[in-house]
Amino acid sequence: MSLQRICTWCSVIIEKHEHRFYIDGNAVCDSCEAEYFGDDEEDG
């Protein structure tokens, strides 16, 4: 019985070694966190 978190946005299983980030109290995975914060990195 391992405690698994599921990403609220894409429903992927968040691995134990992954840093868990919360947006509005919802756990999201690393990729969704990067997507959420990475928008302004695209200068075009």
Protein backbone atom coordinates (compact mmCIF):
# COMPACT_ATOMS: atom_id res chain seq x y z
CA MET A 1 0.00 0.00 0.00
CA SER A 2 2.16 2.82 -1.24
CA LEU A 3 0.88 6.34 -1.14
CA GLN A 4 0.57 7.35 -4.74
CA ARG A 5 -0.42 10.76 -5.91
CA ILE A 6 -2.10 11.26 -9.24
CA CYS A 7 -1.60 14.43 -11.22
CA THR A 8 -4.79 16.46 -11.14
CA TRP A 9 -4.18 17.77 -14.64
CA CYS A 10 -3.00 14.80 -16.71
CA SER A 11 -3.79 11.87 -14.36
CA VAL A 12 -0.28 10.45 -14.54
CA ILE A 13 1.05 8.80 -11.40
CA ILE A 14 3.43 11.11 -9.57
CA GLU A 15 6.48 9.08 -8.61
CA LYS A 16 7.85 9.21 -5.08
CA HIS A 17 11.13 10.77 -6.18
CA GLU A 18 9.29 13.53 -8.02
CA HIS A 19 8.91 16.83 -6.30
CA ARG A 20 5.23 17.41 -5.66
CA PHE A 21 3.87 20.80 -6.50
CA TYR A 22 0.41 22.02 -5.63
CA ILE A 23 -1.68 24.41 -7.72
CA ASP A 24 -4.80 25.51 -5.85
CA GLY A 25 -4.32 22.55 -3.52
CA ASN A 26 -4.14 20.05 -6.38
CA ALA A 27 -1.07 17.88 -6.78
CA VAL A 28 0.49 18.12 -10.21
CA CYS A 29 3.40 16.25 -11.79
CA ASP A 30 6.73 17.74 -12.83
CA SER A 31 5.77 18.15 -16.47
CA CYS A 32 2.54 19.96 -15.68
CA GLU A 33 4.36 22.16 -13.20
CA ALA A 34 6.93 23.01 -15.87
CA GLU A 35 4.15 23.71 -18.35
CA TYR A 36 2.36 25.92 -15.84
CA PHE A 37 5.45 28.02 -15.15
CA GLY A 38 7.23 27.64 -18.48
CA ASP A 39 4.89 29.74 -20.61
CA ASP A 40 6.92 32.94 -20.46
CA GLU A 41 10.16 31.19 -21.41
CA GLU A 42 9.10 30.99 -25.05
CA ASP A 43 10.19 34.24 -26.63
CA GLY A 44 8.96 34.32 -30.19
